[in-house]
Protein backbone atom coordinates (compact mmCIF):
# COMPACT_ATOMS: atom_id res chain seq x y z
CA MET A 1 105.00 142.65 103.67
CA SER A 2 101.31 143.48 103.30
CA GLU A 3 98.75 142.65 105.96
CA SER A 4 96.96 140.27 103.59
CA LYS A 5 100.05 138.13 103.08
CA ARG A 6 101.14 137.95 106.72
CA PRO A 7 98.57 135.35 107.89
CA ARG A 8 99.44 133.10 104.96
CA TRP A 9 103.15 133.37 105.83
CA GLU A 10 102.45 132.60 109.48
CA LEU A 11 100.34 129.57 108.56
CA THR A 12 103.12 128.31 106.29
CA VAL A 13 105.67 128.55 109.10
CA LEU A 14 103.25 126.86 111.50
CA ALA A 15 102.68 124.04 109.00
CA TYR A 16 106.44 123.45 108.67
CA VAL A 17 106.86 123.44 112.46
CA VAL A 18 104.06 120.90 112.90
CA ALA A 19 105.47 118.76 110.08
CA LEU A 20 108.94 118.77 111.67
CA ILE A 21 107.51 117.83 115.07
CA MET A 22 105.59 114.92 113.53
CA PHE A 23 108.57 113.79 111.46
CA PHE A 24 111.10 113.96 114.30
CA PRO A 25 110.23 110.54 115.89
CA ILE A 26 110.69 108.87 112.49
CA PHE A 27 113.99 110.71 111.98
CA TRP A 28 115.20 109.69 115.43
CA MET A 29 114.19 106.07 114.84
CA PHE A 30 116.17 106.02 111.59
CA ILE A 31 119.37 107.41 113.09
CA THR A 32 119.04 105.16 116.17
CA GLY A 33 118.92 102.17 113.84
CA PHE A 34 122.47 103.03 112.74
CA LYS A 35 123.82 103.40 116.28
CA SER A 36 125.43 100.83 118.51
CA GLU A 37 123.48 99.78 121.59
CA ALA A 38 125.86 101.81 123.76
CA ASP A 39 125.26 104.96 121.72
CA ALA A 40 121.50 104.36 121.58
CA VAL A 41 121.03 104.45 125.37
CA GLN A 42 123.39 107.31 126.15
CA LEU A 43 122.04 110.33 128.05
CA PRO A 44 121.98 112.99 126.83
CA PRO A 45 121.30 111.46 123.41
CA LYS A 46 124.13 111.60 120.89
CA LEU A 47 123.28 113.31 117.62
CA PHE A 48 126.77 112.81 116.19
CA PHE A 49 128.10 109.25 116.25
CA THR A 50 129.94 106.68 114.16
CA PRO A 51 127.30 104.88 112.04
CA THR A 52 127.25 101.09 112.12
CA LEU A 53 125.24 98.44 110.30
CA GLU A 54 125.46 96.03 113.23
CA SER A 55 121.91 96.58 114.45
CA LEU A 56 120.48 96.45 110.94
CA HIS A 57 122.36 93.23 110.19
CA GLU A 58 121.15 91.58 113.38
CA ALA A 59 117.58 92.74 112.78
CA LEU A 60 117.63 91.06 109.37
CA SER A 61 119.42 87.89 110.44
CA ARG A 62 117.94 87.31 113.90
CA SER A 63 114.66 85.90 112.62
CA ASN A 64 112.86 85.10 109.39
CA TYR A 65 112.33 88.65 108.14
CA GLY A 66 111.22 87.41 104.72
CA GLY A 67 108.49 85.28 106.26
CA HIS A 68 107.23 88.12 108.43
CA PHE A 69 107.29 90.47 105.45
CA LEU A 70 105.29 88.00 103.33
CA ASN A 71 102.72 87.61 106.12
CA SER A 72 102.35 91.40 106.35
CA LEU A 73 102.02 91.67 102.59
CA ILE A 74 99.36 88.95 102.34
CA SER A 75 97.33 90.19 105.32
CA ALA A 76 97.53 93.91 104.45
CA VAL A 77 96.98 93.74 100.68
CA GLY A 78 94.53 90.84 100.86
CA SER A 79 92.41 92.47 103.56
CA SER A 80 92.39 95.77 101.64
CA LEU A 81 91.21 94.11 98.43
CA LEU A 82 88.49 92.23 100.31
CA ALA A 83 87.46 95.40 102.17
CA LEU A 84 87.17 97.25 98.84
CA LEU A 85 85.16 94.42 97.32
CA LEU A 86 82.63 94.63 100.15
CA SER A 87 82.75 98.38 100.79
CA ILE A 88 82.32 99.72 97.24
CA PRO A 89 78.77 98.28 96.81
CA ALA A 90 77.87 99.38 100.36
CA ALA A 91 79.07 102.95 99.84
CA PHE A 92 77.45 103.07 96.38
CA SER A 93 74.11 101.94 97.79
CA MET A 94 74.11 104.46 100.64
CA ALA A 95 75.33 107.35 98.46
CA PHE A 96 72.96 106.94 95.51
CA TYR A 97 70.06 104.94 96.99
CA PRO A 98 69.77 106.35 100.55
CA THR A 99 66.95 105.39 102.88
CA ARG A 100 65.78 106.93 106.13
CA ARG A 101 68.11 104.54 107.99
CA THR A 102 71.23 105.34 105.96
CA HIS A 103 72.49 107.99 108.37
CA SER A 104 72.00 105.72 111.37
CA THR A 105 73.74 102.88 109.55
CA LEU A 106 76.75 105.06 108.78
CA LEU A 107 76.97 106.18 112.42
CA TRP A 108 76.76 102.57 113.59
CA ILE A 109 79.49 101.54 111.14
CA ILE A 110 81.93 104.20 112.32
CA SER A 111 81.01 103.63 115.98
CA THR A 112 82.57 100.16 115.76
CA LYS A 113 85.97 101.90 115.42
CA MET A 114 85.42 103.63 118.77
CA MET A 115 85.36 100.36 120.70
CA PRO A 116 88.78 99.41 122.12
CA PRO A 117 89.90 96.06 120.66
CA VAL A 118 90.63 94.71 124.15
CA GLY A 119 86.89 94.90 124.82
CA VAL A 120 86.15 92.12 122.32
CA ILE A 121 89.37 90.10 122.49
CA ILE A 122 87.84 87.28 124.57
CA PRO A 123 84.90 86.44 122.25
CA VAL A 124 87.08 86.86 119.15
CA TYR A 125 89.77 84.63 120.65
CA LEU A 126 87.22 81.95 121.57
CA ILE A 127 85.77 82.06 118.04
CA PHE A 128 89.24 81.66 116.54
CA ILE A 129 89.92 78.68 118.84
CA ARG A 130 86.60 77.03 117.96
CA LEU A 131 87.21 77.48 114.23
CA GLN A 132 90.92 76.53 114.55
CA TRP A 133 91.94 79.85 113.05
CA LEU A 134 94.69 80.79 115.50
CA ASP A 135 98.06 81.43 113.82
CA ASN A 136 96.39 81.42 110.39
CA ILE A 137 97.35 84.19 107.98
CA TRP A 138 94.04 83.99 106.09
CA ALA A 139 92.05 84.33 109.32
CA LEU A 140 94.21 87.32 110.27
CA MET A 141 93.49 88.82 106.86
CA LEU A 142 89.76 88.41 107.53
CA MET A 143 90.18 90.12 110.91
CA TYR A 144 91.94 93.05 109.26
CA THR A 145 89.13 93.28 106.72
CA VAL A 146 86.52 93.65 109.45
CA MET A 147 88.75 96.13 111.26
CA ASN A 148 89.25 98.42 108.23
CA MET A 149 85.87 98.26 106.51
CA PRO A 150 84.38 101.22 108.45
CA VAL A 151 87.21 103.50 107.31
CA VAL A 152 86.97 102.28 103.72
CA ILE A 153 83.17 102.63 103.60
CA TRP A 154 83.26 106.18 104.97
CA THR A 155 86.07 107.25 102.64
CA LEU A 156 84.23 105.94 99.58
CA TYR A 157 80.84 107.19 100.74
CA ALA A 158 82.16 110.73 101.18
CA TYR A 159 83.57 110.63 97.65
CA PHE A 160 80.50 109.05 96.01
CA ARG A 161 78.13 111.46 97.73
CA ASP A 162 79.84 114.45 96.10
CA LEU A 163 79.62 113.01 92.59
CA PRO A 164 76.82 114.46 90.45
CA ASN A 165 73.73 112.28 90.59
CA GLU A 166 73.04 113.23 86.96
CA MET A 167 75.60 110.63 85.88
CA MET A 168 73.46 107.83 87.27
CA GLU A 169 70.27 109.36 85.90
CA ALA A 170 71.79 109.54 82.42
CA ALA A 171 72.89 105.91 82.69
CA ARG A 172 69.37 104.85 83.73
CA VAL A 173 67.89 106.73 80.77
CA ASP A 174 70.25 104.74 78.54
CA GLY A 175 68.91 101.52 80.04
CA ALA A 176 71.70 100.69 82.51
CA ASN A 177 70.82 98.53 85.49
CA THR A 178 72.25 99.01 89.00
CA PHE A 179 75.23 96.73 88.39
CA GLN A 180 76.09 98.54 85.17
CA GLU A 181 75.83 101.91 86.94
CA LEU A 182 78.34 100.70 89.50
CA VAL A 183 80.81 99.04 87.13
CA ASN A 184 80.55 101.16 83.96
CA VAL A 185 79.76 104.61 85.37
CA LEU A 186 80.94 104.91 88.97
CA LEU A 187 84.18 102.91 89.09
CA PRO A 188 85.89 104.63 86.11
CA VAL A 189 85.60 108.05 87.81
CA SER A 190 86.40 106.85 91.33
CA GLY A 191 90.06 105.93 90.92
CA PRO A 192 91.41 108.54 93.39
CA ALA A 193 88.95 107.56 96.12
CA ILE A 194 89.55 103.84 95.66
CA ALA A 195 93.32 104.35 95.64
CA SER A 196 93.26 106.47 98.81
CA ALA A 197 90.93 104.04 100.59
CA ALA A 198 93.12 101.09 99.59
CA LEU A 199 96.28 102.87 100.73
CA LEU A 200 94.74 103.80 104.10
CA SER A 201 93.57 100.24 104.60
CA ILE A 202 96.99 98.81 103.74
CA ILE A 203 98.75 101.20 106.14
CA LEU A 204 96.32 100.45 108.98
CA ALA A 205 96.67 96.70 108.46
CA TRP A 206 100.44 96.87 108.03
CA ASN A 207 100.90 98.77 111.31
CA GLU A 208 98.32 96.84 113.33
CA ALA A 209 99.82 95.10 116.36
CA PHE A 210 97.08 94.20 118.86
CA TRP A 211 95.32 91.49 116.87
CA SER A 212 98.50 90.10 115.34
CA LEU A 213 100.10 89.74 118.79
CA ASN A 214 97.07 87.93 120.21
CA LEU A 215 95.96 85.82 117.24
CA THR A 216 99.29 84.60 115.85
CA ASN A 217 102.05 82.49 117.30
CA ALA A 218 104.72 81.42 114.82
CA GLN A 219 103.50 80.75 111.29
CA ALA A 220 101.37 83.85 110.66
CA GLN A 221 103.30 86.55 112.53
CA PRO A 222 103.55 89.82 110.55
CA LEU A 223 106.21 92.52 110.88
CA SER A 224 104.52 94.19 113.85
CA VAL A 225 105.15 91.05 115.93
CA TYR A 226 108.67 90.84 114.51
CA VAL A 227 109.42 94.35 115.84
CA ALA A 228 107.95 93.50 119.25
CA SER A 229 110.23 90.45 119.51
CA PHE A 230 113.19 92.74 120.23
CA LYS A 231 111.75 93.42 123.68
CA THR A 232 112.99 90.41 125.64
CA ALA A 233 113.56 89.36 129.24
CA GLU A 234 117.13 90.62 128.85
CA GLY A 235 115.86 94.14 128.23
CA LEU A 236 114.84 96.51 125.47
CA PHE A 237 117.39 96.76 122.67
CA TRP A 238 116.78 100.28 121.34
CA ALA A 239 119.17 100.18 118.39
CA LYS A 240 118.02 96.78 117.15
CA MET A 241 114.34 97.62 117.65
CA SER A 242 114.82 100.89 115.76
CA ALA A 243 116.53 99.03 112.92
CA ALA A 244 113.72 96.47 112.84
CA SER A 245 111.09 99.25 112.89
CA MET A 246 112.90 101.04 110.09
CA ILE A 247 112.85 98.06 107.72
CA ALA A 248 109.26 97.29 108.78
CA ILE A 249 107.80 100.70 107.92
CA LEU A 250 109.99 101.41 104.90
CA PRO A 251 107.70 99.61 102.37
CA VAL A 252 104.58 101.57 103.36
CA MET A 253 106.54 104.82 103.56
CA VAL A 254 107.75 104.35 99.98
CA MET A 255 104.26 103.35 98.84
CA GLY A 256 102.72 106.37 100.56
CA TRP A 257 105.30 108.69 99.03
CA LEU A 258 104.67 107.35 95.53
CA ALA A 259 100.88 107.48 95.93
CA GLN A 260 100.63 110.75 97.85
CA ARG A 261 99.02 112.63 94.97
CA GLN A 262 96.23 110.05 94.63
CA LEU A 263 95.84 109.89 98.41
CA VAL A 264 95.45 113.65 98.86
CA ARG A 265 93.15 113.94 95.85
CA GLY A 266 90.91 111.16 97.09
CA LEU A 267 90.69 112.44 100.67
CA THR A 268 90.08 116.10 99.77
CA PHE A 269 87.61 115.63 96.90
CA GLY A 270 84.56 117.76 97.58
CA ALA A 271 86.20 119.70 100.41
CA ILE A 272 86.31 122.86 98.27
CA LYS A 273 83.38 123.71 96.06
């Protein structure tokens, strides 16, 4: 093997090792979901066992899985659509009509993601009580929108910034106004970025647990609260919780797998000139 090919081979092996390390918790969760509770807590852990659907059956029948799934679907998809509706014009404005405060605005937007949610739980909780929004799926959707907008804005801004400005100049020469530039010129060529931003937003909202645990009670609980319900005063049921986690993450895993090409294309656009 030549010296020039050796680093590439080593990087490939390293990439596979890192991928296996990251995938192992998901793999272990899946196989634990098919164990009995006795097998799930054995030390050392059993890799070979007799599979059973007992935990999966109880995870599906113990509570209203369909209701939790619908709540997750409404809050995740609805918040992502609303975040896109608000973030596309914002990213468009900052990418093609920047001002001297654009950079500071972008830094302030992303800085909101650095604050731990527990730091603002009290004022948010009091606002939800005053507005009678507790245990309301639409209010939770609005909370997810606010939570994910910084990520969506930055993803779209990075994509829009790398598009040639000549497209907009040509549209202006043809008499297009700002709204027409956005709708007729920018959106048709921004499918990968919009798809990747939407997918990221859906995944973040689908997996979110802090706000859903604190702002919902019974009617608006998503799947993240459903998974947490398997930790009871009687103890932590590993097999049942793994089965519940498996059926909770399966929809977004399938969606991510199907949309991986759009996701990678949208996130890496402009990385290589």
